Amino acid sequence: MTTWNLQDTHCHLLICNGGSCTKRQAEEVTVAIREEITRLGADRRIHTTRTRCNGRCTDACVVIAYPEGIWYREMTPELGKQLVQKHLRGERLNEQVLYTFDGTLAPSGKGIEGQGKP
């Protein structure tokens, strides 16, 4: 069994592959994100995990970025590539932000009800 060395990891992307997300290109999003990480030589900096349902089926395909706690909605393969590029620069893919742990909204204001810190 392989043990992932997390020493250089600064971002962990959780890619939902639950039923609704799978119907909305979750597999393709997962592949695109992983290919972009490899293409940019960021395998040690960004780690990915394919998850089951994250409970936001209406926002499929959902990708969650840690440690920031940023939930991204309606991801596509192309947006997945952009997400990797942005996170390597310390930026967000603002148009797709659904929720953040720090309570900020995307410029579109399309966050979920109850936006903000718990």
PDB file of N, CA and C in Angstrom:
ATOM      1  N   MET A   1       0.841  -1.175   0.000  1.00  0.00           N
ATOM      2  CA  MET A   1       0.000   0.000   0.000  1.00  0.00           C
ATOM      3  C   MET A   1       0.888   1.242   0.000  1.00  0.00           C
ATOM      4  N   THR A   2       0.566   2.192  -0.858  1.00  0.00           N
ATOM      5  CA  THR A   2       1.326   3.427  -0.967  1.00  0.00           C
ATOM      6  C   THR A   2       0.885   4.412   0.106  1.00  0.00           C
ATOM      7  N   THR A   3       1.837   5.083   0.701  1.00  0.00           N
ATOM      8  CA  THR A   3       1.542   6.150   1.639  1.00  0.00           C
ATOM      9  C   THR A   3       1.971   7.454   1.004  1.00  0.00           C
ATOM     10  N   TRP A   4       1.028   8.390   0.879  1.00  0.00           N
ATOM     11  CA  TRP A   4       1.288   9.673   0.234  1.00  0.00           C
ATOM     12  C   TRP A   4       2.122  10.556   1.142  1.00  0.00           C
ATOM     13  N   ASN A   5       3.214  11.104   0.634  1.00  0.00           N
ATOM     14  CA  ASN A   5       4.044  12.027   1.388  1.00  0.00           C
ATOM     15  C   ASN A   5       3.393  13.409   1.304  1.00  0.00           C
ATOM     16  N   LEU A   6       2.919  13.915   2.427  1.00  0.00           N
ATOM     17  CA  LEU A   6       2.190  15.177   2.467  1.00  0.00           C
ATOM     18  C   LEU A   6       3.056  16.379   2.801  1.00  0.00           C
ATOM     19  N   GLN A   7       4.347  16.174   2.958  1.00  0.00           N
ATOM     20  CA  GLN A   7       5.228  17.242   3.404  1.00  0.00           C
ATOM     21  C   GLN A   7       5.147  18.496   2.539  1.00  0.00           C
ATOM     22  N   ASP A   8       5.075  18.367   1.225  1.00  0.00           N
ATOM     23  CA  ASP A   8       5.041  19.524   0.328  1.00  0.00           C
ATOM     24  C   ASP A   8       3.636  19.899  -0.129  1.00  0.00           C
ATOM     25  N   THR A   9       2.633  19.173   0.338  1.00  0.00           N
ATOM     26  CA  THR A   9       1.260  19.422  -0.090  1.00  0.00           C
ATOM     27  C   THR A   9       0.715  20.682   0.560  1.00  0.00           C
ATOM     28  N   HIS A  10       0.166  21.575  -0.265  1.00  0.00           N
ATOM     29  CA  HIS A  10      -0.445  22.782   0.284  1.00  0.00           C
ATOM     30  C   HIS A  10      -1.913  22.904  -0.097  1.00  0.00           C
ATOM     31  N   CYS A  11      -2.406  22.004  -0.944  1.00  0.00           N
ATOM     32  CA  CYS A  11      -3.806  22.036  -1.347  1.00  0.00           C
ATOM     33  C   CYS A  11      -4.311  20.599  -1.525  1.00  0.00           C
ATOM     34  N   HIS A  12      -5.498  20.346  -1.006  1.00  0.00           N
ATOM     35  CA  HIS A  12      -6.138  19.038  -1.153  1.00  0.00           C
ATOM     36  C   HIS A  12      -7.490  19.268  -1.810  1.00  0.00           C
ATOM     37  N   LEU A  13      -7.691  18.707  -2.992  1.00  0.00           N
ATOM     38  CA  LEU A  13      -8.950  18.839  -3.720  1.00  0.00           C
ATOM     39  C   LEU A  13      -9.767  17.567  -3.551  1.00  0.00           C
ATOM     40  N   LEU A  14     -10.966  17.723  -3.010  1.00  0.00           N
ATOM     41  CA  LEU A  14     -11.903  16.618  -2.858  1.00  0.00           C
ATOM     42  C   LEU A  14     -12.904  16.726  -3.999  1.00  0.00           C
ATOM     43  N   ILE A  15     -12.903  15.754  -4.880  1.00  0.00           N
ATOM     44  CA  ILE A  15     -13.724  15.799  -6.089  1.00  0.00           C
ATOM     45  C   ILE A  15     -14.888  14.836  -5.923  1.00  0.00           C
ATOM     46  N   CYS A  16     -16.088  15.369  -5.859  1.00  0.00           N
ATOM     47  CA  CYS A  16     -17.263  14.541  -5.645  1.00  0.00           C
ATOM     48  C   CYS A  16     -17.512  13.643  -6.856  1.00  0.00           C
ATOM     49  N   ASN A  17     -17.677  12.364  -6.591  1.00  0.00           N
ATOM     50  CA  ASN A  17     -18.030  11.392  -7.613  1.00  0.00           C
ATOM     51  C   ASN A  17     -19.265  10.619  -7.174  1.00  0.00           C
ATOM     52  N   GLY A  18     -20.160  11.331  -6.459  1.00  0.00           N
ATOM     53  CA  GLY A  18     -21.447  10.752  -6.094  1.00  0.00           C
ATOM     54  C   GLY A  18     -22.341  10.670  -7.321  1.00  0.00           C
ATOM     55  N   GLY A  19     -23.543  10.161  -7.152  1.00  0.00           N
ATOM     56  CA  GLY A  19     -24.445   9.919  -8.275  1.00  0.00           C
ATOM     57  C   GLY A  19     -24.747  11.133  -9.126  1.00  0.00           C
ATOM     58  N   SER A  20     -25.153  12.240  -8.510  1.00  0.00           N
ATOM     59  CA  SER A  20     -25.500  13.442  -9.277  1.00  0.00           C
ATOM     60  C   SER A  20     -24.278  14.042  -9.954  1.00  0.00           C
ATOM     61  N   CYS A  21     -23.165  14.058  -9.259  1.00  0.00           N
ATOM     62  CA  CYS A  21     -21.951  14.612  -9.861  1.00  0.00           C
ATOM     63  C   CYS A  21     -21.461  13.732 -11.008  1.00  0.00           C
ATOM     64  N   THR A  22     -21.589  12.414 -10.847  1.00  0.00           N
ATOM     65  CA  THR A  22     -21.177  11.511 -11.916  1.00  0.00           C
ATOM     66  C   THR A  22     -21.997  11.760 -13.178  1.00  0.00           C
ATOM     67  N   LYS A  23     -23.259  12.080 -12.999  1.00  0.00           N
ATOM     68  CA  LYS A  23     -24.119  12.396 -14.154  1.00  0.00           C
ATOM     69  C   LYS A  23     -23.720  13.713 -14.808  1.00  0.00           C
ATOM     70  N   ARG A  24     -22.958  14.526 -14.083  1.00  0.00           N
ATOM     71  CA  ARG A  24     -22.529  15.830 -14.593  1.00  0.00           C
ATOM     72  C   ARG A  24     -21.014  15.907 -14.727  1.00  0.00           C
ATOM     73  N   GLN A  25     -20.430  14.880 -15.289  1.00  0.00           N
ATOM     74  CA  GLN A  25     -19.024  14.848 -15.701  1.00  0.00           C
ATOM     75  C   GLN A  25     -18.009  14.705 -14.572  1.00  0.00           C
ATOM     76  N   ALA A  26     -18.371  14.150 -13.433  1.00  0.00           N
ATOM     77  CA  ALA A  26     -17.409  14.018 -12.332  1.00  0.00           C
ATOM     78  C   ALA A  26     -16.158  13.255 -12.740  1.00  0.00           C
ATOM     79  N   GLU A  27     -16.324  12.186 -13.482  1.00  0.00           N
ATOM     80  CA  GLU A  27     -15.148  11.411 -13.916  1.00  0.00           C
ATOM     81  C   GLU A  27     -14.251  12.269 -14.799  1.00  0.00           C
ATOM     82  N   GLU A  28     -14.851  12.997 -15.729  1.00  0.00           N
ATOM     83  CA  GLU A  28     -14.084  13.848 -16.627  1.00  0.00           C
ATOM     84  C   GLU A  28     -13.411  14.990 -15.871  1.00  0.00           C
ATOM     85  N   VAL A  29     -14.098  15.544 -14.873  1.00  0.00           N
ATOM     86  CA  VAL A  29     -13.526  16.602 -14.044  1.00  0.00           C
ATOM     87  C   VAL A  29     -12.324  16.057 -13.273  1.00  0.00           C
ATOM     88  N   THR A  30     -12.484  14.868 -12.694  1.00  0.00           N
ATOM     89  CA  THR A  30     -11.396  14.236 -11.938  1.00  0.00           C
ATOM     90  C   THR A  30     -10.171  14.043 -12.827  1.00  0.00           C
ATOM     91  N   VAL A  31     -10.372  13.493 -14.003  1.00  0.00           N
ATOM     92  CA  VAL A  31      -9.265  13.249 -14.933  1.00  0.00           C
ATOM     93  C   VAL A  31      -8.613  14.568 -15.348  1.00  0.00           C
ATOM     94  N   ALA A  32      -9.415  15.582 -15.671  1.00  0.00           N
ATOM     95  CA  ALA A  32      -8.871  16.874 -16.108  1.00  0.00           C
ATOM     96  C   ALA A  32      -8.035  17.522 -15.009  1.00  0.00           C
ATOM     97  N   ILE A  33      -8.534  17.494 -13.773  1.00  0.00           N
ATOM     98  CA  ILE A  33      -7.794  18.074 -12.653  1.00  0.00           C
ATOM     99  C   ILE A  33      -6.473  17.342 -12.462  1.00  0.00           C
ATOM    100  N   ARG A  34      -6.507  16.032 -12.459  1.00  0.00           N
ATOM    101  CA  ARG A  34      -5.289  15.258 -12.243  1.00  0.00           C
ATOM    102  C   ARG A  34      -4.293  15.428 -13.380  1.00  0.00           C
ATOM    103  N   GLU A  35      -4.780  15.507 -14.614  1.00  0.00           N
ATOM    104  CA  GLU A  35      -3.890  15.730 -15.751  1.00  0.00           C
ATOM    105  C   GLU A  35      -3.243  17.112 -15.687  1.00  0.00           C
ATOM    106  N   GLU A  36      -4.019  18.115 -15.270  1.00  0.00           N
ATOM    107  CA  GLU A  36      -3.471  19.474 -15.177  1.00  0.00           C
ATOM    108  C   GLU A  36      -2.421  19.558 -14.070  1.00  0.00           C
ATOM    109  N   ILE A  37      -2.659  18.898 -12.968  1.00  0.00           N
ATOM    110  CA  ILE A  37      -1.667  18.857 -11.883  1.00  0.00           C
ATOM    111  C   ILE A  37      -0.364  18.256 -12.397  1.00  0.00           C
ATOM    112  N   THR A  38      -0.462  17.146 -13.126  1.00  0.00           N
ATOM    113  CA  THR A  38       0.718  16.497 -13.688  1.00  0.00           C
ATOM    114  C   THR A  38       1.391  17.381 -14.728  1.00  0.00           C
ATOM    115  N   ARG A  39       0.590  17.980 -15.612  1.00  0.00           N
ATOM    116  CA  ARG A  39       1.130  18.841 -16.668  1.00  0.00           C
ATOM    117  C   ARG A  39       1.937  19.996 -16.088  1.00  0.00           C
ATOM    118  N   LEU A  40       1.481  20.535 -14.966  1.00  0.00           N
ATOM    119  CA  LEU A  40       2.147  21.671 -14.337  1.00  0.00           C
ATOM    120  C   LEU A  40       3.234  21.254 -13.339  1.00  0.00           C
ATOM    121  N   GLY A  41       3.447  19.948 -13.208  1.00  0.00           N
ATOM    122  CA  GLY A  41       4.474  19.454 -12.288  1.00  0.00           C
ATOM    123  C   GLY A  41       4.144  19.744 -10.831  1.00  0.00           C
ATOM    124  N   ALA A  42       2.861  19.741 -10.503  1.00  0.00           N
ATOM    125  CA  ALA A  42       2.412  20.107  -9.153  1.00  0.00           C
ATOM    126  C   ALA A  42       1.961  18.902  -8.332  1.00  0.00           C
ATOM    127  N   ASP A  43       2.405  17.712  -8.713  1.00  0.00           N
ATOM    128  CA  ASP A  43       1.967  16.490  -8.026  1.00  0.00           C
ATOM    129  C   ASP A  43       2.288  16.500  -6.530  1.00  0.00           C
ATOM    130  N   ARG A  44       3.369  17.132  -6.144  1.00  0.00           N
ATOM    131  CA  ARG A  44       3.730  17.173  -4.723  1.00  0.00           C
ATOM    132  C   ARG A  44       3.005  18.299  -3.987  1.00  0.00           C
ATOM    133  N   ARG A  45       2.494  19.294  -4.724  1.00  0.00           N
ATOM    134  CA  ARG A  45       1.848  20.451  -4.093  1.00  0.00           C
ATOM    135  C   ARG A  45       0.344  20.296  -3.948  1.00  0.00           C
ATOM    136  N   ILE A  46      -0.296  19.596  -4.889  1.00  0.00           N
ATOM    137  CA  ILE A  46      -1.755  19.434  -4.851  1.00  0.00           C
ATOM    138  C   ILE A  46      -2.083  17.949  -4.832  1.00  0.00           C
ATOM    139  N   HIS A  47      -2.849  17.551  -3.843  1.00  0.00           N
ATOM    140  CA  HIS A  47      -3.289  16.162  -3.714  1.00  0.00           C
ATOM    141  C   HIS A  47      -4.785  16.120  -4.019  1.00  0.00           C
ATOM    142  N   THR A  48      -5.245  15.050  -4.655  1.00  0.00           N
ATOM    143  CA  THR A  48      -6.667  14.905  -4.952  1.00  0.00           C
ATOM    144  C   THR A  48      -7.210  13.633  -4.312  1.00  0.00           C
ATOM    145  N   THR A  49      -8.483  13.700  -3.980  1.00  0.00           N
ATOM    146  CA  THR A  49      -9.211  12.533  -3.499  1.00  0.00           C
ATOM    147  C   THR A  49     -10.576  12.528  -4.158  1.00  0.00           C
ATOM    148  N   ARG A  50     -10.907  11.413  -4.731  1.00  0.00           N
ATOM    149  CA  ARG A  50     -12.235  11.213  -5.304  1.00  0.00           C
ATOM    150  C   ARG A  50     -13.145  10.774  -4.150  1.00  0.00           C
ATOM    151  N   THR A  51     -14.246  11.500  -3.936  1.00  0.00           N
ATOM    152  CA  THR A  51     -15.151  11.196  -2.824  1.00  0.00           C
ATOM    153  C   THR A  51     -16.479  10.665  -3.341  1.00  0.00           C
ATOM    154  N   ARG A  52     -17.298  10.248  -2.426  1.00  0.00           N
ATOM    155  CA  ARG A  52     -18.700   9.955  -2.725  1.00  0.00           C
ATOM    156  C   ARG A  52     -19.474  11.238  -2.484  1.00  0.00           C
ATOM    157  N   CYS A  53     -20.765  11.158  -2.332  1.00  0.00           N
ATOM    158  CA  CYS A  53     -21.627  12.335  -2.247  1.00  0.00           C
ATOM    159  C   CYS A  53     -21.209  13.292  -1.130  1.00  0.00           C
ATOM    160  N   ASN A  54     -21.131  14.579  -1.468  1.00  0.00           N
ATOM    161  CA  ASN A  54     -20.827  15.629  -0.504  1.00  0.00           C
ATOM    162  C   ASN A  54     -22.072  16.412  -0.104  1.00  0.00           C
ATOM    163  N   GLY A  55     -23.243  15.986  -0.581  1.00  0.00           N
ATOM    164  CA  GLY A  55     -24.494  16.569  -0.120  1.00  0.00           C
ATOM    165  C   GLY A  55     -24.947  17.831  -0.819  1.00  0.00           C
ATOM    166  N   ARG A  56     -24.346  18.187  -1.931  1.00  0.00           N
ATOM    167  CA  ARG A  56     -24.760  19.383  -2.670  1.00  0.00           C
ATOM    168  C   ARG A  56     -25.098  19.003  -4.109  1.00  0.00           C
ATOM    169  N   CYS A  57     -25.986  18.052  -4.249  1.00  0.00           N
ATOM    170  CA  CYS A  57     -26.310  17.469  -5.554  1.00  0.00           C
ATOM    171  C   CYS A  57     -26.815  18.500  -6.567  1.00  0.00           C
ATOM    172  N   THR A  58     -27.534  19.508  -6.111  1.00  0.00           N
ATOM    173  CA  THR A  58     -28.037  20.513  -7.054  1.00  0.00           C
ATOM    174  C   THR A  58     -26.908  21.375  -7.614  1.00  0.00           C
ATOM    175  N   ASP A  59     -25.735  21.321  -7.005  1.00  0.00           N
ATOM    176  CA  ASP A  59     -24.591  22.116  -7.452  1.00  0.00           C
ATOM    177  C   ASP A  59     -23.553  21.286  -8.191  1.00  0.00           C
ATOM    178  N   ALA A  60     -23.904  20.076  -8.572  1.00  0.00           N
ATOM    179  CA  ALA A  60     -22.970  19.138  -9.193  1.00  0.00           C
ATOM    180  C   ALA A  60     -22.321  19.748 -10.434  1.00  0.00           C
ATOM    181  N   CYS A  61     -21.140  19.435 -10.645  1.00  0.00           N
ATOM    182  CA  CYS A  61     -20.155  18.637  -9.967  1.00  0.00           C
ATOM    183  C   CYS A  61     -19.423  19.521  -8.950  1.00  0.00           C
ATOM    184  N   VAL A  62     -19.287  19.048  -7.727  1.00  0.00           N
ATOM    185  CA  VAL A  62     -18.710  19.814  -6.622  1.00  0.00           C
ATOM    186  C   VAL A  62     -17.254  19.397  -6.383  1.00  0.00           C
ATOM    187  N   VAL A  63     -16.403  20.406  -6.181  1.00  0.00           N
ATOM    188  CA  VAL A  63     -15.007  20.190  -5.805  1.00  0.00           C
ATOM    189  C   VAL A  63     -14.743  21.061  -4.583  1.00  0.00           C
ATOM    190  N   ILE A  64     -14.125  20.491  -3.559  1.00  0.00           N
ATOM    191  CA  ILE A  64     -13.839  21.208  -2.327  1.00  0.00           C
ATOM    192  C   ILE A  64     -12.331  21.320  -2.175  1.00  0.00           C
ATOM    193  N   ALA A  65     -11.856  22.539  -1.909  1.00  0.00           N
ATOM    194  CA  ALA A  65     -10.423  22.788  -1.755  1.00  0.00           C
ATOM    195  C   ALA A  65     -10.094  23.057  -0.297  1.00  0.00           C
ATOM    196  N   TYR A  66      -9.145  22.287   0.221  1.00  0.00           N
ATOM    197  CA  TYR A  66      -8.647  22.474   1.578  1.00  0.00           C
ATOM    198  C   TYR A  66      -7.177  22.829   1.507  1.00  0.00           C
ATOM    199  N   PRO A  67      -6.656  23.610   2.449  1.00  0.00           N
ATOM    200  CA  PRO A  67      -7.230  23.884   3.763  1.00  0.00           C
ATOM    201  C   PRO A  67      -8.181  25.071   3.802  1.00  0.00           C
ATOM    202  N   GLU A  68      -8.373  25.766   2.677  1.00  0.00           N
ATOM    203  CA  GLU A  68      -9.197  26.968   2.678  1.00  0.00           C
ATOM    204  C   GLU A  68     -10.671  26.702   2.973  1.00  0.00           C
ATOM    205  N   GLY A  69     -11.154  25.505   2.644  1.00  0.00           N
ATOM    206  CA  GLY A  69     -12.566  25.199   2.838  1.00  0.00           C
ATOM    207  C   GLY A  69     -13.435  25.882   1.804  1.00  0.00           C
ATOM    208  N   ILE A  70     -12.993  25.868   0.552  1.00  0.00           N
ATOM    209  CA  ILE A  70     -13.745  26.497  -0.525  1.00  0.00           C
ATOM    210  C   ILE A  70     -14.497  25.415  -1.291  1.00  0.00           C
ATOM    211  N   TRP A  71     -15.807  25.571  -1.389  1.00  0.00           N
ATOM    212  CA  TRP A  71     -16.662  24.648  -2.127  1.00  0.00           C
ATOM    213  C   TRP A  71     -16.967  25.262  -3.482  1.00  0.00           C
ATOM    214  N   TYR A  72     -16.621  24.527  -4.551  1.00  0.00           N
ATOM    215  CA  TYR A  72     -16.863  24.986  -5.914  1.00  0.00           C
ATOM    216  C   TYR A  72     -18.030  24.208  -6.516  1.00  0.00           C
ATOM    217  N   ARG A  73     -18.876  24.890  -7.266  1.00  0.00           N
ATOM    218  CA  ARG A  73     -20.080  24.297  -7.861  1.00  0.00           C
ATOM    219  C   ARG A  73     -19.965  24.240  -9.385  1.00  0.00           C
ATOM    220  N   GLU A  74     -20.763  23.348  -9.958  1.00  0.00           N
ATOM    221  CA  GLU A  74     -20.927  23.255 -11.411  1.00  0.00           C
ATOM    222  C   GLU A  74     -19.596  23.192 -12.158  1.00  0.00           C
ATOM    223  N   MET A  75     -18.711  22.357 -11.650  1.00  0.00           N
ATOM    224  CA  MET A  75     -17.397  22.224 -12.270  1.00  0.00           C
ATOM    225  C   MET A  75     -17.481  21.391 -13.546  1.00  0.00           C
ATOM    226  N   THR A  76     -16.692  21.793 -14.513  1.00  0.00           N
ATOM    227  CA  THR A  76     -16.533  21.079 -15.778  1.00  0.00           C
ATOM    228  C   THR A  76     -15.053  20.718 -15.902  1.00  0.00           C
ATOM    229  N   PRO A  77     -14.704  19.887 -16.870  1.00  0.00           N
ATOM    230  CA  PRO A  77     -13.280  19.583 -17.048  1.00  0.00           C
ATOM    231  C   PRO A  77     -12.429  20.842 -17.279  1.00  0.00           C
ATOM    232  N   GLU A  78     -12.909  21.757 -18.099  1.00  0.00           N
ATOM    233  CA  GLU A  78     -12.147  22.989 -18.355  1.00  0.00           C
ATOM    234  C   GLU A  78     -12.012  23.833 -17.088  1.00  0.00           C
ATOM    235  N   LEU A  79     -13.090  23.953 -16.326  1.00  0.00           N
ATOM    236  CA  LEU A  79     -13.023  24.699 -15.066  1.00  0.00           C
ATOM    237  C   LEU A  79     -12.102  24.004 -14.062  1.00  0.00           C
ATOM    238  N   GLY A  80     -12.053  22.681 -14.106  1.00  0.00           N
ATOM    239  CA  GLY A  80     -11.147  21.942 -13.236  1.00  0.00           C
ATOM    240  C   GLY A  80      -9.701  22.303 -13.502  1.00  0.00           C
ATOM    241  N   LYS A  81      -9.337  22.443 -14.772  1.00  0.00           N
ATOM    242  CA  LYS A  81      -7.977  22.851 -15.132  1.00  0.00           C
ATOM    243  C   LYS A  81      -7.690  24.259 -14.620  1.00  0.00           C
ATOM    244  N   GLN A  82      -8.668  25.152 -14.793  1.00  0.00           N
ATOM    245  CA  GLN A  82      -8.494  26.523 -14.306  1.00  0.00           C
ATOM    246  C   GLN A  82      -8.348  26.559 -12.790  1.00  0.00           C
ATOM    247  N   LEU A  83      -9.090  25.699 -12.109  1.00  0.00           N
ATOM    248  CA  LEU A  83      -9.020  25.619 -10.653  1.00  0.00           C
ATOM    249  C   LEU A  83      -7.602  25.285 -10.193  1.00  0.00           C
ATOM    250  N   VAL A  84      -6.995  24.306 -10.827  1.00  0.00           N
ATOM    251  CA  VAL A  84      -5.623  23.921 -10.481  1.00  0.00           C
ATOM    252  C   VAL A  84      -4.682  25.110 -10.680  1.00  0.00           C
ATOM    253  N   GLN A  85      -4.784  25.769 -11.827  1.00  0.00           N
ATOM    254  CA  GLN A  85      -3.919  26.911 -12.119  1.00  0.00           C
ATOM    255  C   GLN A  85      -4.094  28.020 -11.082  1.00  0.00           C
ATOM    256  N   LYS A  86      -5.338  28.320 -10.737  1.00  0.00           N
ATOM    257  CA  LYS A  86      -5.623  29.386  -9.761  1.00  0.00           C
ATOM    258  C   LYS A  86      -5.077  29.028  -8.381  1.00  0.00           C
ATOM    259  N   HIS A  87      -5.313  27.805  -7.924  1.00  0.00           N
ATOM    260  CA  HIS A  87      -4.858  27.430  -6.590  1.00  0.00           C
ATOM    261  C   HIS A  87      -3.340  27.411  -6.485  1.00  0.00           C
ATOM    262  N   LEU A  88      -2.655  27.130  -7.565  1.00  0.00           N
ATOM    263  CA  LEU A  88      -1.189  27.195  -7.541  1.00  0.00           C
ATOM    264  C   LEU A  88      -0.705  28.633  -7.363  1.00  0.00           C
ATOM    265  N   ARG A  89      -1.532  29.596  -7.781  1.00  0.00           N
ATOM    266  CA  ARG A  89      -1.189  31.020  -7.617  1.00  0.00           C
ATOM    267  C   ARG A  89      -1.785  31.607  -6.338  1.00  0.00           C
ATOM    268  N   GLY A  90      -2.458  30.780  -5.553  1.00  0.00           N
ATOM    269  CA  GLY A  90      -3.073  31.271  -4.327  1.00  0.00           C
ATOM    270  C   GLY A  90      -4.359  32.028  -4.566  1.00  0.00           C
ATOM    271  N   GLU A  91      -5.015  31.763  -5.697  1.00  0.00           N
ATOM    272  CA  GLU A  91      -6.250  32.450  -6.053  1.00  0.00           C
ATOM    273  C   GLU A  91      -7.428  31.483  -6.004  1.00  0.00           C
ATOM    274  N   ARG A  92      -8.629  32.042  -6.156  1.00  0.00           N
ATOM    275  CA  ARG A  92      -9.861  31.247  -6.203  1.00  0.00           C
ATOM    276  C   ARG A  92     -10.479  31.322  -7.590  1.00  0.00           C
ATOM    277  N   LEU A  93     -11.270  30.333  -7.912  1.00  0.00           N
ATOM    278  CA  LEU A  93     -12.063  30.346  -9.135  1.00  0.00           C
ATOM    279  C   LEU A  93     -13.413  30.967  -8.744  1.00  0.00           C
ATOM    280  N   ASN A  94     -13.409  32.281  -8.582  1.00  0.00           N
ATOM    281  CA  ASN A  94     -14.511  33.005  -7.954  1.00  0.00           C
ATOM    282  C   ASN A  94     -15.891  32.730  -8.538  1.00  0.00           C
ATOM    283  N   GLU A  95     -15.988  32.587  -9.834  1.00  0.00           N
ATOM    284  CA  GLU A  95     -17.296  32.404 -10.460  1.00  0.00           C
ATOM    285  C   GLU A  95     -17.985  31.115 -10.026  1.00  0.00           C
ATOM    286  N   GLN A  96     -17.213  30.157  -9.540  1.00  0.00           N
ATOM    287  CA  GLN A  96     -17.769  28.857  -9.161  1.00  0.00           C
ATOM    288  C   GLN A  96     -17.885  28.673  -7.646  1.00  0.00           C
ATOM    289  N   VAL A  97     -17.479  29.665  -6.855  1.00  0.00           N
ATOM    290  CA  VAL A  97     -17.507  29.519  -5.401  1.00  0.00           C
ATOM    291  C   VAL A  97     -18.942  29.397  -4.919  1.00  0.00           C
ATOM    292  N   LEU A  98     -19.184  28.345  -4.169  1.00  0.00           N
ATOM    293  CA  LEU A  98     -20.488  28.081  -3.568  1.00  0.00           C
ATOM    294  C   LEU A  98     -20.475  28.491  -2.103  1.00  0.00           C
ATOM    295  N   TYR A  99     -19.394  28.160  -1.405  1.00  0.00           N
ATOM    296  CA  TYR A  99     -19.308  28.404   0.029  1.00  0.00           C
ATOM    297  C   TYR A  99     -17.845  28.425   0.431  1.00  0.00           C
ATOM    298  N   THR A 100     -17.524  29.251   1.427  1.00  0.00           N
ATOM    299  CA  THR A 100     -16.185  29.250   1.983  1.00  0.00           C
ATOM    300  C   THR A 100     -16.279  29.251   3.497  1.00  0.00           C
ATOM    301  N   PHE A 101     -15.293  28.664   4.138  1.00  0.00           N
ATOM    302  CA  PHE A 101     -15.278  28.646   5.597  1.00  0.00           C
ATOM    303  C   PHE A 101     -15.092  30.046   6.174  1.00  0.00           C
ATOM    304  N   ASP A 102     -14.495  30.969   5.398  1.00  0.00           N
ATOM    305  CA  ASP A 102     -14.296  32.322   5.922  1.00  0.00           C
ATOM    306  C   ASP A 102     -15.489  33.236   5.647  1.00  0.00           C
ATOM    307  N   GLY A 103     -16.520  32.713   4.995  1.00  0.00           N
ATOM    308  CA  GLY A 103     -17.759  33.458   4.820  1.00  0.00           C
ATOM    309  C   GLY A 103     -17.805  34.409   3.652  1.00  0.00           C
ATOM    310  N   THR A 104     -16.810  34.390   2.760  1.00  0.00           N
ATOM    311  CA  THR A 104     -16.848  35.299   1.625  1.00  0.00           C
ATOM    312  C   THR A 104     -17.706  34.722   0.506  1.00  0.00           C
ATOM    313  N   LEU A 105     -18.320  35.605  -0.252  1.00  0.00           N
ATOM    314  CA  LEU A 105     -19.118  35.207  -1.405  1.00  0.00           C
ATOM    315  C   LEU A 105     -18.338  35.478  -2.684  1.00  0.00           C
ATOM    316  N   ALA A 106     -18.649  34.721  -3.693  1.00  0.00           N
ATOM    317  CA  ALA A 106     -18.104  34.996  -5.009  1.00  0.00           C
ATOM    318  C   ALA A 106     -18.738  36.293  -5.513  1.00  0.00           C
ATOM    319  N   PRO A 107     -18.093  36.980  -6.453  1.00  0.00           N
ATOM    320  CA  PRO A 107     -18.659  38.216  -6.987  1.00  0.00           C
ATOM    321  C   PRO A 107     -20.082  38.046  -7.524  1.00  0.00           C
ATOM    322  N   SER A 108     -20.421  36.839  -7.969  1.00  0.00           N
ATOM    323  CA  SER A 108     -21.765  36.592  -8.500  1.00  0.00           C
ATOM    324  C   SER A 108     -22.813  36.575  -7.400  1.00  0.00           C
ATOM    325  N   GLY A 109     -22.379  36.388  -6.145  1.00  0.00           N
ATOM    326  CA  GLY A 109     -23.311  36.336  -5.018  1.00  0.00           C
ATOM    327  C   GLY A 109     -24.134  35.073  -4.993  1.00  0.00           C
ATOM    328  N   LYS A 110     -23.696  34.035  -5.705  1.00  0.00           N
ATOM    329  CA  LYS A 110     -24.481  32.803  -5.809  1.00  0.00           C
ATOM    330  C   LYS A 110     -24.118  31.782  -4.745  1.00  0.00           C
ATOM    331  N   GLY A 111     -23.760  32.246  -3.560  1.00  0.00           N
ATOM    332  CA  GLY A 111     -23.451  31.328  -2.473  1.00  0.00           C
ATOM    333  C   GLY A 111     -24.714  30.700  -1.925  1.00  0.00           C
ATOM    334  N   ILE A 112     -24.554  29.731  -1.045  1.00  0.00           N
ATOM    335  CA  ILE A 112     -25.704  29.043  -0.458  1.00  0.00           C
ATOM    336  C   ILE A 112     -26.305  29.873   0.662  1.00  0.00           C
ATOM    337  N   GLU A 113     -27.570  29.601   0.953  1.00  0.00           N
ATOM    338  CA  GLU A 113     -28.226  30.272   2.050  1.00  0.00           C
ATOM    339  C   GLU A 113     -27.487  29.939   3.340  1.00  0.00           C
ATOM    340  N   GLY A 114     -27.430  30.879   4.257  1.00  0.00           N
ATOM    341  CA  GLY A 114     -26.684  30.677   5.491  1.00  0.00           C
ATOM    342  C   GLY A 114     -25.192  30.842   5.290  1.00  0.00           C
ATOM    343  N   GLN A 115     -24.810  31.541   4.236  1.00  0.00           N
ATOM    344  CA  GLN A 115     -23.394  31.752   3.910  1.00  0.00           C
ATOM    345  C   GLN A 115     -22.659  32.345   5.105  1.00  0.00           C
ATOM    346  N   GLY A 116     -21.484  31.866   5.353  1.00  0.00           N
ATOM    347  CA  GLY A 116     -20.667  32.424   6.406  1.00  0.00           C
ATOM    348  C   GLY A 116     -20.174  31.367   7.357  1.00  0.00           C
ATOM    349  N   LYS A 117     -19.535  31.801   8.393  1.00  0.00           N
ATOM    350  CA  LYS A 117     -19.006  30.863   9.382  1.00  0.00           C
ATOM    351  C   LYS A 117     -20.138  30.282  10.208  1.00  0.00           C
ATOM    352  N   PRO A 118     -20.020  28.991  10.574  1.00  0.00           N
ATOM    353  CA  PRO A 118     -21.055  28.379  11.400  1.00  0.00           C
ATOM    354  C   PRO A 118     -21.098  28.980  12.784  1.00  0.00           C
TER     355      PRO A 118
END
